């Protein structure tokens, strides 16, 4: 078998890029009722977090923050704004599982 060693051009490079989702979201009992969509959204948010850290986006308490609008979420997950809000509520600290 020959390994592909050619360069990737433009959007081709995205075929080897991945989102990371913590395994704990699938194995810990406290996350068993969190939907797959919310878990995927959390992975997208973690991906954006690394960009925020690189850009130095920290609040007054030293916590990194992200910009991820309802429209951005809807576009990324191919869903409506109502569904995007529902997924955020699942992850919310007060209304959901406490991840955000």
N, C-alpha and C. Protein backbone atom coordinates (compact mmCIF):
# COMPACT_ATOMS: atom_id res chain seq x y z
N UNK A 1 0.85 -1.18 0.00
CA UNK A 1 0.00 0.00 0.00
C UNK A 1 0.89 1.23 0.00
N UNK A 2 0.59 2.15 -0.87
CA UNK A 2 1.35 3.40 -0.95
C UNK A 2 0.66 4.47 -0.12
N UNK A 3 1.43 5.19 0.67
CA UNK A 3 0.90 6.26 1.51
C UNK A 3 0.85 7.55 0.70
N UNK A 4 -0.26 8.26 0.80
CA UNK A 4 -0.46 9.53 0.12
C UNK A 4 0.44 10.58 0.75
N UNK A 5 1.40 11.12 0.02
CA UNK A 5 2.31 12.12 0.56
C UNK A 5 2.26 13.44 -0.19
N UNK A 6 1.34 13.56 -1.13
CA UNK A 6 1.22 14.78 -1.91
C UNK A 6 0.68 15.90 -1.03
N UNK A 7 0.80 17.10 -1.47
CA UNK A 7 0.26 18.26 -0.75
C UNK A 7 -1.25 18.30 -0.85
N UNK A 8 -1.86 18.95 0.13
CA UNK A 8 -3.29 19.20 0.08
C UNK A 8 -3.49 20.65 -0.30
N UNK A 9 -4.46 20.90 -1.15
CA UNK A 9 -4.71 22.25 -1.64
C UNK A 9 -6.10 22.71 -1.21
N UNK A 10 -6.17 23.97 -0.77
CA UNK A 10 -7.46 24.57 -0.42
C UNK A 10 -8.23 23.73 0.58
N UNK A 11 -9.48 23.43 0.26
CA UNK A 11 -10.38 22.70 1.16
C UNK A 11 -9.96 21.25 1.36
N UNK A 12 -9.07 20.72 0.50
CA UNK A 12 -8.60 19.35 0.67
C UNK A 12 -7.96 19.14 2.05
N UNK A 13 -7.33 20.18 2.58
CA UNK A 13 -6.66 20.08 3.88
C UNK A 13 -7.65 19.77 5.00
N UNK A 14 -8.91 20.14 4.81
CA UNK A 14 -9.92 19.90 5.84
C UNK A 14 -10.24 18.42 6.01
N UNK A 15 -9.88 17.60 5.03
CA UNK A 15 -10.19 16.18 5.13
C UNK A 15 -9.35 15.47 6.19
N UNK A 16 -8.29 16.12 6.67
CA UNK A 16 -7.48 15.52 7.73
C UNK A 16 -7.59 16.30 9.04
N UNK A 17 -8.51 17.24 9.11
CA UNK A 17 -8.76 18.01 10.34
C UNK A 17 -9.91 17.34 11.09
N UNK A 18 -9.83 17.36 12.44
CA UNK A 18 -10.82 16.67 13.26
C UNK A 18 -11.27 17.56 14.42
N UNK A 19 -12.49 17.30 14.89
CA UNK A 19 -12.98 17.91 16.12
C UNK A 19 -12.76 16.90 17.24
N UNK A 20 -12.38 17.39 18.41
CA UNK A 20 -12.19 16.52 19.57
C UNK A 20 -13.40 16.65 20.50
N UNK A 21 -13.93 15.52 20.89
CA UNK A 21 -15.03 15.49 21.84
C UNK A 21 -14.59 14.59 23.00
N UNK A 22 -14.60 15.10 24.22
CA UNK A 22 -14.13 14.29 25.35
C UNK A 22 -14.90 12.97 25.48
N UNK A 23 -14.18 11.88 25.66
CA UNK A 23 -14.80 10.56 25.82
C UNK A 23 -15.72 10.53 27.04
N UNK A 24 -15.40 11.33 28.03
CA UNK A 24 -16.20 11.39 29.25
C UNK A 24 -17.67 11.69 28.96
N UNK A 25 -17.92 12.46 27.90
CA UNK A 25 -19.31 12.79 27.55
C UNK A 25 -20.10 11.56 27.14
N UNK A 26 -19.40 10.49 26.75
CA UNK A 26 -20.07 9.26 26.32
C UNK A 26 -20.01 8.16 27.38
N UNK A 27 -19.14 8.32 28.36
CA UNK A 27 -18.96 7.24 29.34
C UNK A 27 -19.44 7.59 30.75
N UNK A 28 -19.47 8.86 31.11
CA UNK A 28 -19.86 9.25 32.47
C UNK A 28 -21.39 9.27 32.61
N UNK A 29 -21.90 8.71 33.69
CA UNK A 29 -23.35 8.66 33.90
C UNK A 29 -24.02 10.03 33.91
N UNK A 30 -23.31 11.05 34.38
CA UNK A 30 -23.94 12.38 34.45
C UNK A 30 -24.22 13.00 33.08
N UNK A 31 -23.65 12.42 32.01
CA UNK A 31 -23.89 12.95 30.67
C UNK A 31 -24.74 12.01 29.82
N UNK A 32 -25.30 10.96 30.41
CA UNK A 32 -26.05 9.98 29.61
C UNK A 32 -27.31 10.55 28.97
N UNK A 33 -27.89 11.58 29.56
CA UNK A 33 -29.11 12.16 28.99
C UNK A 33 -28.83 13.34 28.06
N UNK A 34 -27.57 13.68 27.87
CA UNK A 34 -27.20 14.77 26.95
C UNK A 34 -27.25 14.22 25.53
N UNK A 35 -27.93 14.93 24.65
CA UNK A 35 -28.10 14.46 23.27
C UNK A 35 -26.78 14.45 22.51
N UNK A 36 -26.74 13.66 21.47
CA UNK A 36 -25.56 13.60 20.59
C UNK A 36 -25.31 14.99 19.99
N UNK A 37 -26.38 15.69 19.63
CA UNK A 37 -26.23 17.04 19.07
C UNK A 37 -25.54 18.00 20.02
N UNK A 38 -25.91 17.93 21.30
CA UNK A 38 -25.28 18.80 22.30
C UNK A 38 -23.82 18.42 22.51
N UNK A 39 -23.52 17.13 22.48
CA UNK A 39 -22.14 16.67 22.61
C UNK A 39 -21.30 17.14 21.43
N UNK A 40 -21.88 17.07 20.24
CA UNK A 40 -21.18 17.56 19.06
C UNK A 40 -20.96 19.07 19.15
N UNK A 41 -21.98 19.80 19.58
CA UNK A 41 -21.85 21.24 19.76
C UNK A 41 -20.72 21.55 20.74
N UNK A 42 -20.62 20.80 21.82
CA UNK A 42 -19.56 21.02 22.79
C UNK A 42 -18.19 20.82 22.13
N UNK A 43 -18.06 19.83 21.28
CA UNK A 43 -16.82 19.62 20.54
C UNK A 43 -16.48 20.80 19.64
N UNK A 44 -17.49 21.35 18.98
CA UNK A 44 -17.28 22.54 18.14
C UNK A 44 -16.85 23.73 19.00
N UNK A 45 -17.44 23.84 20.19
CA UNK A 45 -17.09 24.94 21.09
C UNK A 45 -15.65 24.79 21.60
N UNK A 46 -15.24 23.57 21.90
CA UNK A 46 -13.86 23.34 22.33
C UNK A 46 -12.88 23.71 21.22
N UNK A 47 -13.25 23.42 19.99
CA UNK A 47 -12.40 23.78 18.86
C UNK A 47 -12.23 25.30 18.78
N UNK A 48 -13.28 26.01 18.99
CA UNK A 48 -13.21 27.47 18.99
C UNK A 48 -12.44 28.01 20.19
N UNK A 49 -12.46 27.27 21.29
CA UNK A 49 -11.75 27.70 22.49
C UNK A 49 -10.25 27.80 22.22
N UNK A 50 -9.71 26.86 21.47
CA UNK A 50 -8.27 26.92 21.19
C UNK A 50 -7.93 28.18 20.39
N UNK A 51 -8.81 28.60 19.50
CA UNK A 51 -8.60 29.84 18.76
C UNK A 51 -8.66 31.04 19.70
N UNK A 52 -9.58 31.01 20.65
CA UNK A 52 -9.71 32.10 21.62
C UNK A 52 -8.44 32.24 22.45
N UNK A 53 -7.88 31.11 22.88
CA UNK A 53 -6.66 31.13 23.67
C UNK A 53 -5.52 31.72 22.84
N UNK A 54 -5.42 31.31 21.58
CA UNK A 54 -4.38 31.85 20.70
C UNK A 54 -4.52 33.36 20.53
N UNK A 55 -5.77 33.85 20.52
CA UNK A 55 -6.03 35.28 20.33
C UNK A 55 -6.01 36.06 21.64
N UNK A 56 -5.84 35.36 22.77
CA UNK A 56 -5.79 36.04 24.06
C UNK A 56 -7.13 36.56 24.53
N UNK A 57 -8.22 35.86 24.18
CA UNK A 57 -9.56 36.29 24.58
C UNK A 57 -9.89 35.70 25.94
N UNK A 58 -9.62 36.46 27.00
CA UNK A 58 -9.86 36.04 28.37
C UNK A 58 -10.68 37.09 29.09
N UNK A 59 -11.54 36.65 29.99
CA UNK A 59 -12.32 37.61 30.78
C UNK A 59 -11.50 38.07 31.99
N UNK A 60 -12.12 38.87 32.84
CA UNK A 60 -11.42 39.45 33.99
C UNK A 60 -10.96 38.40 35.01
N UNK A 61 -11.53 37.18 34.92
CA UNK A 61 -11.14 36.09 35.81
C UNK A 61 -10.12 35.15 35.16
N UNK A 62 -9.65 35.51 33.98
CA UNK A 62 -8.66 34.69 33.30
C UNK A 62 -9.24 33.50 32.55
N UNK A 63 -10.57 33.47 32.36
CA UNK A 63 -11.21 32.36 31.65
C UNK A 63 -11.32 32.71 30.17
N UNK A 64 -10.92 31.78 29.32
CA UNK A 64 -11.05 31.99 27.87
C UNK A 64 -12.53 31.98 27.50
N UNK A 65 -12.89 32.79 26.53
CA UNK A 65 -14.27 32.81 26.06
C UNK A 65 -14.29 32.72 24.54
N UNK A 66 -15.45 32.33 24.00
CA UNK A 66 -15.59 32.19 22.55
C UNK A 66 -16.74 33.05 22.05
N UNK A 67 -16.69 33.34 20.77
CA UNK A 67 -17.81 33.95 20.06
C UNK A 67 -18.41 32.87 19.18
N UNK A 68 -19.63 32.48 19.45
CA UNK A 68 -20.30 31.45 18.67
C UNK A 68 -21.78 31.77 18.70
N UNK A 69 -22.25 32.48 17.71
CA UNK A 69 -23.63 32.96 17.68
C UNK A 69 -24.60 31.82 17.37
N UNK A 70 -25.86 32.07 17.64
CA UNK A 70 -26.91 31.11 17.30
C UNK A 70 -26.87 30.84 15.79
N UNK A 71 -26.66 31.88 15.01
CA UNK A 71 -26.58 31.70 13.55
C UNK A 71 -25.41 30.82 13.17
N UNK A 72 -24.25 31.01 13.83
CA UNK A 72 -23.08 30.17 13.57
C UNK A 72 -23.38 28.71 13.91
N UNK A 73 -23.99 28.50 15.07
CA UNK A 73 -24.32 27.14 15.50
C UNK A 73 -25.30 26.50 14.50
N UNK A 74 -26.32 27.25 14.13
CA UNK A 74 -27.32 26.75 13.18
C UNK A 74 -26.67 26.36 11.86
N UNK A 75 -25.77 27.18 11.39
CA UNK A 75 -25.09 26.90 10.12
C UNK A 75 -24.19 25.67 10.24
N UNK A 76 -23.40 25.61 11.32
CA UNK A 76 -22.47 24.49 11.51
C UNK A 76 -23.20 23.16 11.65
N UNK A 77 -24.32 23.15 12.35
CA UNK A 77 -25.05 21.92 12.62
C UNK A 77 -26.23 21.70 11.68
N UNK A 78 -26.41 22.60 10.72
CA UNK A 78 -27.52 22.50 9.76
C UNK A 78 -28.86 22.33 10.47
N UNK A 79 -29.11 23.26 11.39
CA UNK A 79 -30.38 23.21 12.14
C UNK A 79 -30.92 24.63 12.28
N UNK A 80 -32.13 24.74 12.77
CA UNK A 80 -32.74 26.03 13.00
C UNK A 80 -32.28 26.64 14.31
N UNK A 81 -32.63 27.91 14.51
CA UNK A 81 -32.21 28.61 15.72
C UNK A 81 -32.86 28.02 16.97
N UNK A 82 -34.07 27.51 16.86
CA UNK A 82 -34.73 26.90 18.01
C UNK A 82 -33.96 25.67 18.48
N UNK A 83 -33.53 24.84 17.55
CA UNK A 83 -32.74 23.66 17.89
C UNK A 83 -31.38 24.06 18.47
N UNK A 84 -30.74 25.09 17.90
CA UNK A 84 -29.45 25.57 18.40
C UNK A 84 -29.59 26.03 19.85
N UNK A 85 -30.65 26.76 20.15
CA UNK A 85 -30.90 27.20 21.53
C UNK A 85 -31.13 26.01 22.46
N UNK A 86 -31.87 25.02 22.00
CA UNK A 86 -32.14 23.83 22.81
C UNK A 86 -30.83 23.11 23.15
N UNK A 87 -29.93 23.01 22.18
CA UNK A 87 -28.65 22.36 22.43
C UNK A 87 -27.81 23.14 23.43
N UNK A 88 -27.83 24.46 23.32
CA UNK A 88 -27.11 25.29 24.29
C UNK A 88 -27.67 25.11 25.70
N UNK A 89 -29.01 25.04 25.81
CA UNK A 89 -29.64 24.84 27.12
C UNK A 89 -29.21 23.51 27.73
N UNK A 90 -29.04 22.49 26.89
CA UNK A 90 -28.59 21.18 27.40
C UNK A 90 -27.21 21.27 28.04
N UNK A 91 -26.38 22.17 27.52
CA UNK A 91 -25.01 22.31 28.01
C UNK A 91 -24.88 23.34 29.12
N UNK A 92 -25.91 24.14 29.31
CA UNK A 92 -25.89 25.27 30.24
C UNK A 92 -25.62 24.87 31.68
N UNK A 93 -24.97 25.75 32.41
CA UNK A 93 -24.62 25.53 33.80
C UNK A 93 -25.85 25.48 34.71
N UNK A 94 -26.85 26.28 34.41
CA UNK A 94 -28.04 26.34 35.28
C UNK A 94 -29.18 25.44 34.80
N UNK A 95 -29.36 25.36 33.48
CA UNK A 95 -30.50 24.63 32.95
C UNK A 95 -30.16 23.23 32.46
N UNK A 96 -28.87 22.96 32.26
CA UNK A 96 -28.47 21.69 31.68
C UNK A 96 -27.42 20.97 32.48
N UNK A 97 -26.48 20.37 31.78
CA UNK A 97 -25.49 19.49 32.42
C UNK A 97 -24.29 20.23 33.00
N UNK A 98 -24.20 21.53 32.79
CA UNK A 98 -23.16 22.32 33.45
C UNK A 98 -21.83 22.45 32.72
N UNK A 99 -21.81 22.13 31.43
CA UNK A 99 -20.54 22.23 30.70
C UNK A 99 -20.21 23.64 30.26
N UNK A 100 -21.23 24.48 30.10
CA UNK A 100 -20.96 25.88 29.72
C UNK A 100 -21.71 26.81 30.66
